[in-house]
Protein backbone atom coordinates (compact mmCIF):
# COMPACT_ATOMS: atom_id res chain seq x y z
CA UNK A 1 107.95 -8.02 104.46
CA UNK A 2 110.36 -6.96 107.19
CA UNK A 3 111.87 -10.05 108.87
CA UNK A 4 111.67 -10.37 112.66
CA UNK A 5 115.38 -11.18 112.92
CA UNK A 6 118.49 -10.63 110.83
CA UNK A 7 121.68 -12.66 110.67
CA UNK A 8 124.57 -10.17 110.37
CA UNK A 9 127.33 -10.48 107.83
CA UNK A 10 130.66 -11.29 109.52
CA UNK A 11 134.21 -10.66 108.33
CA UNK A 12 136.77 -13.37 107.68
CA UNK A 13 140.16 -12.95 109.36
CA UNK A 14 142.97 -12.60 106.79
CA UNK A 15 146.70 -12.01 107.04
CA UNK A 16 147.31 -10.26 103.73
CA UNK A 17 145.67 -7.38 101.89
CA UNK A 18 143.90 -8.72 98.77
CA UNK A 19 145.48 -7.83 95.46
CA UNK A 20 142.39 -8.23 93.30
CA UNK A 21 138.86 -6.88 93.45
CA UNK A 22 137.28 -3.53 94.21
CA UNK A 23 137.52 -2.94 97.97
CA UNK A 24 136.75 -0.19 100.46
CA UNK A 25 138.26 -0.03 103.94
CA UNK A 26 136.92 1.17 107.30
CA UNK A 27 138.21 1.28 110.86
CA UNK A 28 137.66 -1.95 112.78
CA UNK A 29 135.70 -0.59 115.69
CA UNK A 30 136.52 -1.81 119.19
CA UNK A 31 132.92 -2.10 120.28
CA UNK A 32 129.71 -4.13 120.14
CA UNK A 33 127.97 -5.04 116.88
CA UNK A 34 124.45 -3.58 116.92
CA UNK A 35 121.52 -4.13 114.55
CA UNK A 36 118.58 -1.72 114.54
CA UNK A 37 115.10 -2.87 113.47
CA UNK A 38 112.53 -0.19 112.62
CA UNK A 39 108.90 -1.17 112.09
CA UNK A 40 106.18 1.46 111.97
CA UNK A 41 108.29 3.84 114.01
CA UNK A 42 109.04 1.26 116.70
CA UNK A 43 112.79 0.73 117.16
CA UNK A 44 114.43 -2.40 118.57
CA UNK A 45 118.19 -2.76 119.01
CA UNK A 46 119.76 -6.23 118.81
CA UNK A 47 123.23 -7.57 119.52
CA UNK A 48 124.98 -9.87 117.07
CA UNK A 49 123.43 -12.96 118.67
CA UNK A 50 119.92 -11.51 118.91
CA UNK A 51 119.77 -10.06 122.44
CA UNK A 52 117.43 -7.08 122.82
CA UNK A 53 119.51 -4.10 123.99
CA UNK A 54 116.92 -1.36 123.40
CA UNK A 55 116.58 -0.67 127.12
CA UNK A 56 120.37 -0.46 127.53
CA UNK A 57 120.75 2.09 124.71
CA UNK A 58 117.76 4.47 124.82
CA UNK A 59 119.67 7.39 123.28
CA UNK A 60 120.54 5.33 120.21
CA UNK A 61 116.97 4.03 119.87
CA UNK A 62 115.63 7.60 120.02
CA UNK A 63 118.15 8.77 117.41
CA UNK A 64 117.14 5.98 115.01
CA UNK A 65 113.46 6.80 115.58
CA UNK A 66 114.10 10.44 114.64
CA UNK A 67 115.27 9.34 111.17
CA UNK A 68 111.58 8.92 110.31
CA UNK A 69 111.91 5.55 108.59
CA UNK A 70 108.82 3.45 107.88
CA UNK A 71 110.66 0.15 108.28
CA UNK A 72 114.29 -0.88 108.02
CA UNK A 73 117.20 -2.94 109.31
CA UNK A 74 120.39 -0.95 109.93
CA UNK A 75 123.76 -2.49 110.75
CA UNK A 76 126.60 -0.92 112.68
CA UNK A 77 128.78 -0.87 115.79
CA UNK A 78 128.32 0.87 119.14
CA UNK A 79 131.53 2.39 120.55
CA UNK A 80 132.83 4.75 123.21
CA UNK A 81 135.44 7.24 121.99
CA UNK A 82 138.27 8.36 124.25
CA UNK A 83 139.70 11.89 124.40
CA UNK A 84 141.57 11.24 121.13
CA UNK A 85 138.42 9.96 119.36
CA UNK A 86 139.75 6.39 119.44
CA UNK A 87 137.26 3.60 120.34
CA UNK A 88 137.98 2.16 123.79
CA UNK A 89 136.35 -1.13 124.76
CA UNK A 90 136.70 -0.76 128.53
CA UNK A 91 135.20 2.74 128.41
CA UNK A 92 132.31 1.25 126.44
CA UNK A 93 131.67 -1.38 129.08
CA UNK A 94 131.73 1.20 131.88
CA UNK A 95 129.36 3.52 130.02
CA UNK A 96 126.84 0.72 129.47
CA UNK A 97 127.16 -0.39 133.10
CA UNK A 98 126.55 3.19 134.29
CA UNK A 99 123.57 3.68 131.89
CA UNK A 100 125.34 6.49 130.01
CA UNK A 101 124.09 5.70 126.50
CA UNK A 102 124.44 9.36 125.46
CA UNK A 103 128.22 8.97 125.78
CA UNK A 104 128.19 6.28 123.07
CA UNK A 105 128.36 6.61 119.30
CA UNK A 106 126.50 4.28 116.93
CA UNK A 107 128.54 4.02 113.72
CA UNK A 108 126.35 2.73 110.87
CA UNK A 109 127.83 0.96 107.86
CA UNK A 110 125.07 -1.03 106.14
CA UNK A 111 121.38 -0.99 105.29
CA UNK A 112 120.08 -4.49 104.44
CA UNK A 113 116.37 -3.43 104.44
CA UNK A 114 114.71 -0.08 103.77
CA UNK A 115 111.02 0.86 103.56
CA UNK A 116 109.73 -2.48 102.31
CA UNK A 117 112.70 -3.25 100.07
CA UNK A 118 115.10 -6.15 100.73
CA UNK A 119 118.51 -4.76 99.79
CA UNK A 120 120.61 -7.79 100.74
CA UNK A 121 121.24 -8.77 97.11
CA UNK A 122 122.01 -5.18 96.11
CA UNK A 123 125.76 -4.37 95.75
CA UNK A 124 127.35 -2.74 98.79
CA UNK A 125 127.99 0.53 96.92
CA UNK A 126 124.23 0.97 96.42
CA UNK A 127 123.37 0.03 100.00
CA UNK A 128 125.89 2.56 101.32
CA UNK A 129 124.50 5.28 99.05
CA UNK A 130 121.04 4.60 100.51
CA UNK A 131 122.47 4.71 104.04
CA UNK A 132 124.19 8.05 103.41
CA UNK A 133 120.91 9.46 102.16
CA UNK A 134 119.04 8.18 105.23
CA UNK A 135 121.61 9.74 107.59
CA UNK A 136 121.75 13.06 105.72
CA UNK A 137 118.70 14.28 107.68
CA UNK A 138 120.58 14.19 111.00
CA UNK A 139 123.67 15.95 112.35
CA UNK A 140 126.50 13.50 113.20
CA UNK A 141 126.47 12.88 116.93
CA UNK A 142 125.05 9.77 118.52
CA UNK A 143 124.54 8.39 114.99
CA UNK A 144 127.42 8.58 112.52
CA UNK A 145 128.10 7.19 109.07
CA UNK A 146 131.14 4.90 108.93
CA UNK A 147 132.75 6.52 105.93
CA UNK A 148 135.28 4.58 103.84
CA UNK A 149 138.91 5.64 104.26
CA UNK A 150 140.74 6.94 101.22
CA UNK A 151 144.38 5.98 101.84
CA UNK A 152 146.00 2.74 100.55
CA UNK A 153 145.07 -0.16 102.86
CA UNK A 154 148.62 -0.80 104.11
CA UNK A 155 148.92 2.84 105.19
CA UNK A 156 145.53 2.59 106.89
CA UNK A 157 146.54 -0.56 108.76
CA UNK A 158 149.86 0.96 109.84
CA UNK A 159 148.08 4.08 111.07
CA UNK A 160 145.48 2.08 112.98
CA UNK A 161 148.22 0.10 114.68
CA UNK A 162 150.13 3.26 115.66
CA UNK A 163 146.97 4.53 117.35
CA UNK A 164 146.64 1.21 119.23
CA UNK A 165 143.43 0.45 117.36
CA UNK A 166 142.26 -3.07 116.55
CA UNK A 167 142.80 -2.95 112.78
CA UNK A 168 140.80 -2.32 109.62
CA UNK A 169 137.87 -3.93 107.80
CA UNK A 170 137.80 -4.45 104.04
CA UNK A 171 134.60 -4.89 102.02
CA UNK A 172 134.04 -5.74 98.38
CA UNK A 173 132.05 -2.84 96.99
CA UNK A 174 130.19 -5.06 94.50
CA UNK A 175 129.16 -7.80 96.98
CA UNK A 176 125.69 -8.57 98.40
CA UNK A 177 124.94 -8.76 102.14
CA UNK A 178 125.74 -12.40 102.94
CA UNK A 179 124.19 -12.75 106.39
CA UNK A 180 127.01 -15.09 107.47
CA UNK A 181 130.81 -15.07 107.65
CA UNK A 182 132.04 -14.34 104.15
CA UNK A 183 135.30 -13.46 102.44
CA UNK A 184 133.62 -10.46 100.80
CA UNK A 185 134.20 -8.80 104.19
CA UNK A 186 137.67 -9.22 105.68
CA UNK A 187 139.43 -8.05 108.83
CA UNK A 188 143.12 -7.24 109.15
CA UNK A 189 144.26 -6.95 112.75
CA UNK A 190 147.21 -5.11 114.26
CA UNK A 191 147.62 -7.75 116.91
CA UNK A 192 145.89 -11.07 117.12
CA UNK A 193 142.71 -10.60 119.07
CA UNK A 194 139.64 -12.70 119.74
CA UNK A 195 137.24 -13.91 122.41
CA UNK A 196 138.06 -16.71 124.88
CA UNK A 197 136.00 -18.54 127.49
CA UNK A 198 137.06 -18.17 131.12
CA UNK A 199 137.31 -21.56 132.84
CA UNK A 200 139.03 -20.55 136.07
CA UNK A 201 141.35 -18.14 137.83
CA UNK A 202 144.45 -18.33 140.01
CA UNK A 203 145.14 -16.93 143.47
CA UNK A 204 146.68 -13.42 143.54
CA UNK A 205 150.30 -12.96 144.56
CA UNK A 206 152.13 -10.11 146.29
CA UNK A 207 150.15 -6.89 146.59
CA UNK A 208 147.64 -7.87 143.93
CA UNK A 209 144.02 -8.28 145.01
CA UNK A 210 141.16 -10.54 143.92
CA UNK A 211 142.88 -12.90 141.42
CA UNK A 212 146.17 -13.50 139.65
CA UNK A 213 145.32 -14.68 136.13
CA UNK A 214 142.33 -15.91 134.16
CA UNK A 215 142.48 -19.39 132.63
CA UNK A 216 141.23 -19.31 129.05
CA UNK A 217 139.82 -21.81 126.58
CA UNK A 218 138.09 -22.31 123.24
CA UNK A 219 135.54 -24.90 122.23
CA UNK A 220 136.66 -27.65 119.88
CA UNK A 221 134.14 -30.33 118.92
CA UNK A 222 132.06 -29.35 121.93
CA UNK A 223 134.90 -29.61 124.46
CA UNK A 224 136.59 -26.68 126.17
CA UNK A 225 140.31 -26.77 125.34
CA UNK A 226 142.75 -24.84 127.53
CA UNK A 227 144.77 -22.24 125.58
CA UNK A 228 146.62 -20.31 128.29
CA UNK A 229 146.24 -17.57 130.87
CA UNK A 230 146.05 -13.79 130.99
CA UNK A 231 147.20 -11.65 133.92
CA UNK A 232 147.68 -8.18 132.42
CA UNK A 233 145.30 -5.49 131.19
CA UNK A 234 143.38 -5.06 134.46
CA UNK A 235 143.07 -1.99 136.65
CA UNK A 236 141.80 -2.33 140.23
CA UNK A 237 138.22 -1.51 139.30
CA UNK A 238 138.16 -4.11 136.50
CA UNK A 239 139.84 -6.69 138.75
CA UNK A 240 137.16 -6.23 141.40
CA UNK A 241 134.22 -6.24 138.97
CA UNK A 242 135.52 -9.33 137.17
CA UNK A 243 136.22 -11.14 140.43
CA UNK A 244 132.64 -10.63 141.63
CA UNK A 245 131.32 -12.32 138.48
CA UNK A 246 133.86 -15.14 138.73
CA UNK A 247 133.10 -15.75 142.39
CA UNK A 248 129.41 -16.26 141.60
CA UNK A 249 130.30 -18.96 139.06
CA UNK A 250 132.75 -21.05 141.11
CA UNK A 251 132.47 -24.82 140.90
CA UNK A 252 134.55 -27.81 142.01
CA UNK A 253 134.81 -29.38 138.56
CA UNK A 254 137.52 -28.53 136.01
CA UNK A 255 135.61 -27.36 132.88
CA UNK A 256 138.53 -27.98 130.52
CA UNK A 257 138.92 -31.31 128.73
CA UNK A 258 142.39 -31.72 130.31
CA UNK A 259 144.17 -30.30 133.35
CA UNK A 260 146.08 -27.17 132.23
CA UNK A 261 149.78 -28.10 132.18
CA UNK A 262 151.00 -24.84 133.71
CA UNK A 263 148.54 -24.75 136.63
CA UNK A 264 148.79 -26.25 140.13
CA UNK A 265 145.49 -27.51 141.54
CA UNK A 266 146.16 -25.78 144.85
CA UNK A 267 146.24 -22.32 143.26
CA UNK A 268 143.25 -22.55 140.92
CA UNK A 269 139.54 -21.83 141.29
CA UNK A 270 137.36 -23.40 138.59
CA UNK A 271 134.31 -21.56 137.28
CA UNK A 272 131.35 -22.45 135.10
CA UNK A 273 132.41 -21.60 131.52
CA UNK A 274 129.96 -18.76 130.90
CA UNK A 275 132.06 -15.59 130.81
CA UNK A 276 133.72 -14.50 127.56
CA UNK A 277 136.85 -12.32 127.60
CA UNK A 278 138.25 -10.18 124.79
CA UNK A 279 142.00 -10.89 124.61
CA UNK A 280 144.82 -9.64 122.39
CA UNK A 281 148.01 -11.67 122.07
CA UNK A 282 151.24 -11.90 120.11
CA UNK A 283 150.91 -15.38 118.62
CA UNK A 284 149.94 -19.02 119.08
CA UNK A 285 152.73 -21.35 120.21
CA UNK A 286 153.27 -24.73 118.57
CA UNK A 287 151.52 -26.24 121.61
CA UNK A 288 148.40 -24.18 120.95
CA UNK A 289 148.92 -21.70 123.80
CA UNK A 290 148.75 -17.90 123.83
CA UNK A 291 151.85 -15.70 124.06
CA UNK A 292 151.80 -12.22 125.63
CA UNK A 293 148.05 -12.16 126.28
CA UNK A 294 146.37 -8.89 127.36
CA UNK A 295 142.84 -8.56 128.78
CA UNK A 296 140.54 -5.96 127.19
CA UNK A 297 137.20 -6.69 128.82
CA UNK A 298 134.28 -9.10 129.11
CA UNK A 299 131.99 -9.66 126.12
CA UNK A 300 128.40 -9.66 127.32
CA UNK A 301 127.11 -9.79 123.74
CA UNK A 302 128.52 -13.20 122.78
CA UNK A 303 127.63 -16.68 124.11
CA UNK A 304 130.47 -18.77 125.51
CA UNK A 305 129.45 -21.90 123.61
CA UNK A 306 130.16 -20.22 120.28
CA UNK A 307 133.78 -19.29 121.06
CA UNK A 308 136.28 -21.11 118.84
CA UNK A 309 139.84 -20.47 117.75
CA UNK A 310 139.99 -17.98 114.89
CA UNK A 311 142.17 -19.02 111.97
CA UNK A 312 143.42 -16.50 109.43
CA UNK A 313 142.77 -17.15 105.77
CA UNK A 314 146.10 -18.05 104.20
CA UNK A 315 145.21 -18.33 100.52
CA UNK A 316 147.86 -15.82 99.53
CA UNK A 317 150.53 -18.06 101.12
CA UNK A 318 149.47 -21.16 99.20
CA UNK A 319 150.08 -21.17 95.51
CA UNK A 320 146.88 -22.43 93.94
CA UNK A 321 147.85 -23.94 90.62
CA UNK A 322 145.22 -23.62 87.90
CA UNK A 323 142.80 -21.73 90.18
CA UNK A 324 140.45 -21.21 87.23
CA UNK A 325 140.06 -24.96 86.61
CA UNK A 326 136.36 -25.85 86.71
CA UNK A 327 135.78 -28.77 89.08
CA UNK A 328 131.97 -28.64 88.93
CA UNK A 329 130.64 -27.96 85.43
CA UNK A 330 127.04 -27.90 86.72
CA UNK A 331 127.63 -24.63 88.59
CA UNK A 332 130.92 -23.49 87.05
CA UNK A 333 132.66 -23.78 90.42
CA UNK A 334 136.44 -23.69 90.31
CA UNK A 335 139.37 -25.03 92.26
CA UNK A 336 139.81 -21.59 93.82
CA UNK A 337 136.17 -21.64 94.98
CA UNK A 338 136.89 -24.92 96.79
CA UNK A 339 140.04 -23.54 98.46
CA UNK A 340 138.18 -20.43 99.59
CA UNK A 341 135.34 -22.52 101.02
CA UNK A 342 137.70 -24.58 103.17
CA UNK A 343 139.45 -21.42 104.36
CA UNK A 344 136.11 -19.84 105.23
CA UNK A 345 134.76 -22.86 107.11
CA UNK A 346 138.02 -23.68 108.91
CA UNK A 347 136.88 -22.35 112.32
CA UNK A 348 133.97 -24.79 112.29
CA UNK A 349 135.66 -27.75 110.60
CA UNK A 350 139.10 -27.98 112.20
CA UNK A 351 137.85 -29.13 115.64
CA UNK A 352 136.48 -32.26 113.93
CA UNK A 353 139.79 -32.93 112.17
CA UNK A 354 142.45 -32.19 114.80
CA UNK A 355 144.25 -35.25 116.23
CA UNK A 356 142.18 -37.55 114.01
CA UNK A 357 143.41 -39.60 111.01
CA UNK A 358 142.04 -37.98 107.86
CA UNK A 359 141.47 -39.67 104.51
CA UNK A 360 141.27 -37.64 101.31
CA UNK A 361 139.07 -38.25 98.28
CA UNK A 362 141.14 -36.64 95.56
CA UNK A 363 139.54 -35.59 92.28
CA UNK A 364 142.24 -33.98 90.10
CA UNK A 365 139.86 -33.59 87.17
CA UNK A 366 136.86 -32.48 89.19
CA UNK A 367 133.62 -34.19 90.20
CA UNK A 368 133.12 -35.84 86.81
CA UNK A 369 136.67 -37.19 86.54
CA UNK A 370 138.48 -40.09 88.13
CA UNK A 371 138.51 -40.19 91.93
CA UNK A 372 140.91 -41.95 94.27
CA UNK A 373 141.08 -42.34 98.05
CA UNK A 374 144.30 -41.45 99.89
CA UNK A 375 144.80 -42.61 103.48
CA UNK A 376 148.59 -42.34 103.74
CA UNK A 377 151.17 -39.72 102.84
CA UNK A 378 152.68 -41.78 100.01
CA UNK A 379 155.49 -39.22 99.92
CA UNK A 380 153.04 -36.69 98.47
CA UNK A 381 153.80 -33.20 99.73
CA UNK A 382 150.63 -31.39 100.78
CA UNK A 383 151.25 -27.97 102.37
CA UNK A 384 150.53 -27.96 106.10
CA UNK A 385 149.46 -31.59 106.44
CA UNK A 386 151.20 -33.45 109.26
CA UNK A 387 151.86 -37.16 109.71
CA UNK A 388 150.96 -39.43 112.60
CA UNK A 389 152.96 -42.14 114.33
CA UNK A 390 153.58 -44.97 111.78
CA UNK A 391 152.71 -47.48 114.52
CA UNK A 392 149.04 -46.49 114.13
CA UNK A 393 148.93 -48.33 110.80
CA UNK A 394 151.93 -50.69 110.57
CA UNK A 395 153.26 -51.65 107.16
CA UNK A 396 152.12 -48.44 105.46
CA UNK A 397 153.27 -44.88 105.02
CA UNK A 398 152.14 -42.70 107.97
CA UNK A 399 148.53 -41.61 108.29
CA UNK A 400 147.74 -37.91 107.86
CA UNK A 401 146.20 -35.27 110.11
CA UNK A 402 144.86 -31.80 109.27
CA UNK A 403 145.05 -29.22 112.08
CA UNK A 404 145.38 -25.84 110.35
CA UNK A 405 143.83 -23.63 107.68
CA UNK A 406 146.99 -24.06 105.64
CA UNK A 407 146.55 -27.84 105.65
CA UNK A 408 142.88 -27.57 104.69
CA UNK A 409 143.69 -25.24 101.80
CA UNK A 410 146.69 -27.40 100.86
CA UNK A 411 144.51 -30.49 100.59
CA UNK A 412 142.08 -28.63 98.32
CA UNK A 413 145.00 -27.36 96.23
CA UNK A 414 146.04 -30.99 95.69
CA UNK A 415 142.58 -31.87 94.39
CA UNK A 416 141.06 -33.25 97.60
CA UNK A 417 137.35 -32.47 97.56
CA UNK A 418 136.16 -34.78 100.35
CA UNK A 419 137.70 -35.25 103.80
CA UNK A 420 136.82 -38.39 105.75
CA UNK A 421 137.78 -39.14 109.34
CA UNK A 422 138.21 -42.10 111.64
CA UNK A 423 135.88 -42.51 114.65
CA UNK A 424 138.83 -42.27 117.06
CA UNK A 425 141.64 -39.82 117.77
CA UNK A 426 145.29 -40.71 117.33
CA UNK A 427 146.11 -40.68 121.05
CA UNK A 428 143.63 -43.53 121.74
CA UNK A 429 143.08 -45.07 118.34
CA UNK A 430 141.66 -48.32 119.75
CA UNK A 431 138.89 -46.53 121.65
CA UNK A 432 136.27 -44.89 119.38
CA UNK A 433 134.75 -41.64 120.63
CA UNK A 434 131.63 -41.85 118.46
CA UNK A 435 129.31 -44.28 116.69
CA UNK A 436 127.93 -43.45 113.24
CA UNK A 437 124.76 -44.53 111.45
CA UNK A 438 124.57 -43.68 107.74
CA UNK A 439 120.99 -43.82 106.49
CA UNK A 440 121.37 -44.78 102.82
CA UNK A 441 118.00 -44.83 101.01
CA UNK A 442 116.87 -46.43 97.78
CA UNK A 443 117.26 -43.51 95.31
CA UNK A 444 113.56 -43.68 94.36
CA UNK A 445 112.37 -43.51 97.97
CA UNK A 446 110.42 -40.30 98.74
CA UNK A 447 112.49 -37.95 100.90
CA UNK A 448 109.80 -37.80 103.58
CA UNK A 449 110.41 -41.50 104.26
CA UNK A 450 114.10 -40.74 104.82
CA UNK A 451 113.16 -38.02 107.32
CA UNK A 452 110.68 -40.33 109.05
CA UNK A 453 113.23 -43.17 109.15
CA UNK A 454 115.86 -40.89 110.66
CA UNK A 455 113.41 -39.81 113.33
CA UNK A 456 112.63 -43.45 114.14
CA UNK A 457 116.33 -44.19 114.57
CA UNK A 458 116.60 -41.29 116.99
CA UNK A 459 113.62 -42.62 118.97
CA UNK A 460 115.33 -46.02 119.32
CA UNK A 461 118.56 -44.38 120.48
CA UNK A 462 116.64 -42.16 122.92
CA UNK A 463 114.88 -45.20 124.37
CA UNK A 464 118.25 -46.85 124.86
CA UNK A 465 119.41 -43.72 126.70
CA UNK A 466 121.79 -42.44 124.00
CA UNK A 467 121.84 -38.81 122.85
CA UNK A 468 122.53 -38.42 119.14
CA UNK A 469 123.41 -35.66 116.69
CA UNK A 470 122.22 -35.10 113.13
CA UNK A 471 123.99 -34.03 109.95
CA UNK A 472 123.27 -34.10 106.26
CA UNK A 473 125.52 -36.46 104.33
CA UNK A 474 125.79 -34.20 101.31
CA UNK A 475 125.16 -37.40 99.36
CA UNK A 476 121.97 -39.46 99.39
CA UNK A 477 120.88 -39.68 103.02
CA UNK A 478 121.47 -38.46 106.54
CA UNK A 479 124.00 -39.27 109.26
CA UNK A 480 123.18 -39.85 112.93
CA UNK A 481 126.22 -39.68 115.21
CA UNK A 482 126.36 -40.86 118.82
CA UNK A 483 129.20 -39.44 120.99
CA UNK A 484 130.87 -41.99 123.26
CA UNK A 485 133.19 -42.01 126.23
CA UNK A 486 136.43 -43.68 125.13
CA UNK A 487 135.87 -46.92 127.06
CA UNK A 488 134.80 -49.39 124.37
CA UNK A 489 136.91 -51.09 121.70
CA UNK A 490 136.09 -51.29 118.01
CA UNK A 491 134.50 -54.74 118.18
CA UNK A 492 132.15 -53.66 120.96
CA UNK A 493 131.02 -50.49 119.18
CA UNK A 494 130.66 -52.29 115.86
CA UNK A 495 128.55 -55.07 117.40
CA UNK A 496 126.33 -52.55 119.18
CA UNK A 497 125.70 -50.49 116.03
CA UNK A 498 124.93 -53.67 114.08
CA UNK A 499 122.42 -54.69 116.75
CA UNK A 500 120.66 -51.32 116.49
CA UNK A 501 120.44 -51.64 112.70
CA UNK A 502 119.13 -55.22 112.91
CA UNK A 503 116.58 -54.23 115.54
CA UNK A 504 115.08 -51.62 113.21
CA UNK A 505 115.23 -53.94 110.18
CA UNK A 506 113.50 -56.71 112.13
CA UNK A 507 110.89 -54.45 113.73
CA UNK A 508 110.09 -52.49 110.55
CA UNK A 509 111.20 -54.73 107.66
CA UNK A 510 109.25 -52.73 105.07
CA UNK A 511 111.17 -49.59 105.95
CA UNK A 512 114.71 -50.65 106.90
CA UNK A 513 117.41 -53.06 105.82
CA UNK A 514 120.57 -54.02 107.68
CA UNK A 515 122.11 -55.82 104.69
CA UNK A 516 124.39 -54.29 102.08
CA UNK A 517 123.57 -54.41 98.37
CA UNK A 518 121.08 -52.57 96.20
CA UNK A 519 118.69 -55.53 96.03
CA UNK A 520 118.37 -55.47 99.82
CA UNK A 521 117.28 -51.84 100.03
CA UNK A 522 114.64 -51.66 97.28
CA UNK A 523 112.00 -49.33 98.68
CA UNK A 524 113.91 -49.19 101.97
CA UNK A 525 116.65 -47.41 103.89
CA UNK A 526 119.89 -49.32 104.45
CA UNK A 527 121.17 -48.49 107.93
CA UNK A 528 124.90 -48.55 107.29
CA UNK A 529 126.56 -49.46 110.57
CA UNK A 530 129.82 -50.47 108.89
CA UNK A 531 131.29 -47.00 109.51
CA UNK A 532 132.14 -48.24 113.01
CA UNK A 533 135.03 -50.54 112.11
CA UNK A 534 138.72 -49.82 112.72
CA UNK A 535 139.61 -49.19 109.07
CA UNK A 536 136.37 -47.42 108.11
CA UNK A 537 135.72 -43.69 107.87
CA UNK A 538 132.88 -41.19 107.53
CA UNK A 539 132.77 -37.90 105.67
CA UNK A 540 133.70 -35.18 108.18
CA UNK A 541 131.32 -32.45 109.34
CA UNK A 542 131.51 -29.51 106.91
CA UNK A 543 133.31 -31.59 104.24
CA UNK A 544 132.41 -30.94 100.61
CA UNK A 545 131.16 -33.92 98.59
CA UNK A 546 132.48 -34.73 95.11
CA UNK A 547 129.12 -34.29 93.45
CA UNK A 548 127.50 -31.70 91.17
CA UNK A 549 126.94 -28.34 92.95
CA UNK A 550 129.56 -29.34 95.58
CA UNK A 551 127.15 -30.15 98.44
CA UNK A 552 128.36 -30.08 102.04
CA UNK A 553 127.84 -32.44 104.99
CA UNK A 554 126.30 -29.98 107.48
CA UNK A 555 125.60 -30.50 111.23
CA UNK A 556 121.96 -29.71 112.01
CA UNK A 557 119.66 -29.32 115.01
CA UNK A 558 117.20 -32.18 115.43
CA UNK A 559 114.31 -29.70 115.37
CA UNK A 560 115.47 -28.70 111.85
CA UNK A 561 114.97 -32.25 110.52
CA UNK A 562 111.62 -31.54 108.87
CA UNK A 563 113.11 -28.53 107.11
CA UNK A 564 115.75 -30.60 105.30
CA UNK A 565 114.47 -31.16 101.76
CA UNK A 566 117.30 -33.37 100.47
CA UNK A 567 120.75 -34.60 101.53
CA UNK A 568 122.60 -32.14 99.30
CA UNK A 569 120.53 -29.12 100.30
CA UNK A 570 123.55 -27.11 101.48
CA UNK A 571 126.44 -26.34 99.14
CA UNK A 572 129.68 -24.35 99.28
CA UNK A 573 127.74 -21.46 97.75
CA UNK A 574 124.75 -21.71 100.10
CA UNK A 575 125.28 -22.63 103.75
CA UNK A 576 122.98 -22.22 106.75
CA UNK A 577 123.80 -19.46 109.24
CA UNK A 578 127.00 -20.15 111.16
CA UNK A 579 126.02 -18.06 114.19
CA UNK A 580 124.69 -21.09 116.02
CA UNK A 581 126.52 -24.41 116.46
CA UNK A 582 124.02 -27.32 116.43
CA UNK A 583 126.70 -29.68 117.76
CA UNK A 584 128.03 -27.47 120.57
CA UNK A 585 127.14 -30.11 123.19
CA UNK A 586 128.73 -33.00 121.30
CA UNK A 587 132.06 -32.99 123.11
CA UNK A 588 130.53 -32.74 126.57
CA UNK A 589 128.16 -35.65 125.87
CA UNK A 590 130.14 -38.67 127.06
CA UNK A 591 128.11 -41.87 127.01
CA UNK A 592 128.79 -45.55 127.57
CA UNK A 593 127.14 -48.64 126.10
CA UNK A 594 125.71 -50.16 129.26
CA UNK A 595 124.78 -53.75 130.02
CA UNK A 596 121.12 -52.74 130.11
CA UNK A 597 121.36 -51.29 126.60
CA UNK A 598 123.02 -54.43 125.29
CA UNK A 599 120.42 -56.63 126.94
CA UNK A 600 117.63 -54.60 125.32
CA UNK A 601 119.21 -55.27 121.92
CA UNK A 602 119.83 -58.94 122.60
CA UNK A 603 123.62 -58.65 122.72
CA UNK A 604 125.26 -61.34 124.86
């Protein structure tokens, strides 16, 4: 049966051409990703995030309809070619704005479904052969086949860069269609380039009209972090069109989590963080700012809340010793599989690790071998891992922090399977920014009771006036996390969480326990509130667990709770779609533990 929607496969950013595997390479098109759904002759065109663009692109819809397919999903990119047949993003935007869909070319490169057959598990070489056959009935024009390029990949990349193109895409010819970001598709860029959220603009200077520079940011743990400004890449028409959109979004409040250091309040106009800009740049500075940024256009196909800093996969720079070592005999997963997972998930995971003490569960012999917990550097060299101020934990070696893909991969190379974090960041270590409840069930308890118990905890928190966020533990139960404004000390947060646990255990003693020990949770769920102490930690979002199948602690939407079938449902080999971030509002949810809340729980 043809699905109503399709999650597109996305390419992982890499810095080096792979040495192993059977790969094909294509041009990285400077355009909009476009998915075509055909059902009984009816054609619908969707953007990457599911917006219906059929009305915007009637010529492309008609061309797909003329292929005569019964039903199908086709995957490709819509571009506008300049006079040298090079894709140009600004020309594309103008053509769409002016309703000139016949001036656009739809390059097709994959065929996940065809005439009742699900081809997603079929190797790419077979899917492409089917696609070529489908397109053979039409003359290349509005629809074109994205043919693989024959030259060596380094020559292709060099040529693309000389033509001022974005780069090239590599695809493993034997891989299935993953429907998420996967390292079986990779992108090599000429210049660093990604999307950024616009949070404000500065006044123009001299003869310039409308605005001087755009202030840019990315989301980290739900908060918009300032990453720099861009003032080049605009012509007068683009300046005017962009300014009109900015002007409609002006607000008095700074949307960034901190005041940009290189901006004076008198010269800035803040805007609601809704517009997404495509920016190329030379590099990231050590302070996390952009160098030599150039504007290429606004992205109307991508939501602002999903914009995060892209990190290149660096596996070729880290020597993985014994990559073939099996760390999970149950599935035959290796040390290299673990490293690749952490590289692949870095965009999602790093915001929850940056500036936060991290504790490593190291398993040199795999999930069945001896484990040990490492909180301090102990003079162990782990590539990329940085140390924090020794004053944060006097009398010990410095605590560690992970803030890069290299550090994530380095930790995995050193046998770290699990990454745990403190509930506070290093800059204000005595003020927690979240409160964690770990629902730890009796192993024989039916899973439905765990789901029901988690829902009851949410109801209690809702009644207190506290928003909460859900994630699987990857272990036995579920985690409920409450974001906090950094106003309370550890004792206050710990006492509050204990009061919540005791309230549930007292109100529903047959279902909950607030006491540690196996004998106290027979047939019950232990609400572990002890994660909220100064020296405690919780497994980080997206961390692997040192258990068979290498399950992952995955953030989830609350409305997905009933669909969770067990705590280890998601593994490094099977993750939910990464297109949507269930915790995107976490960082902007800043709550305090009020007197009224404490009174309701009987806290003096």
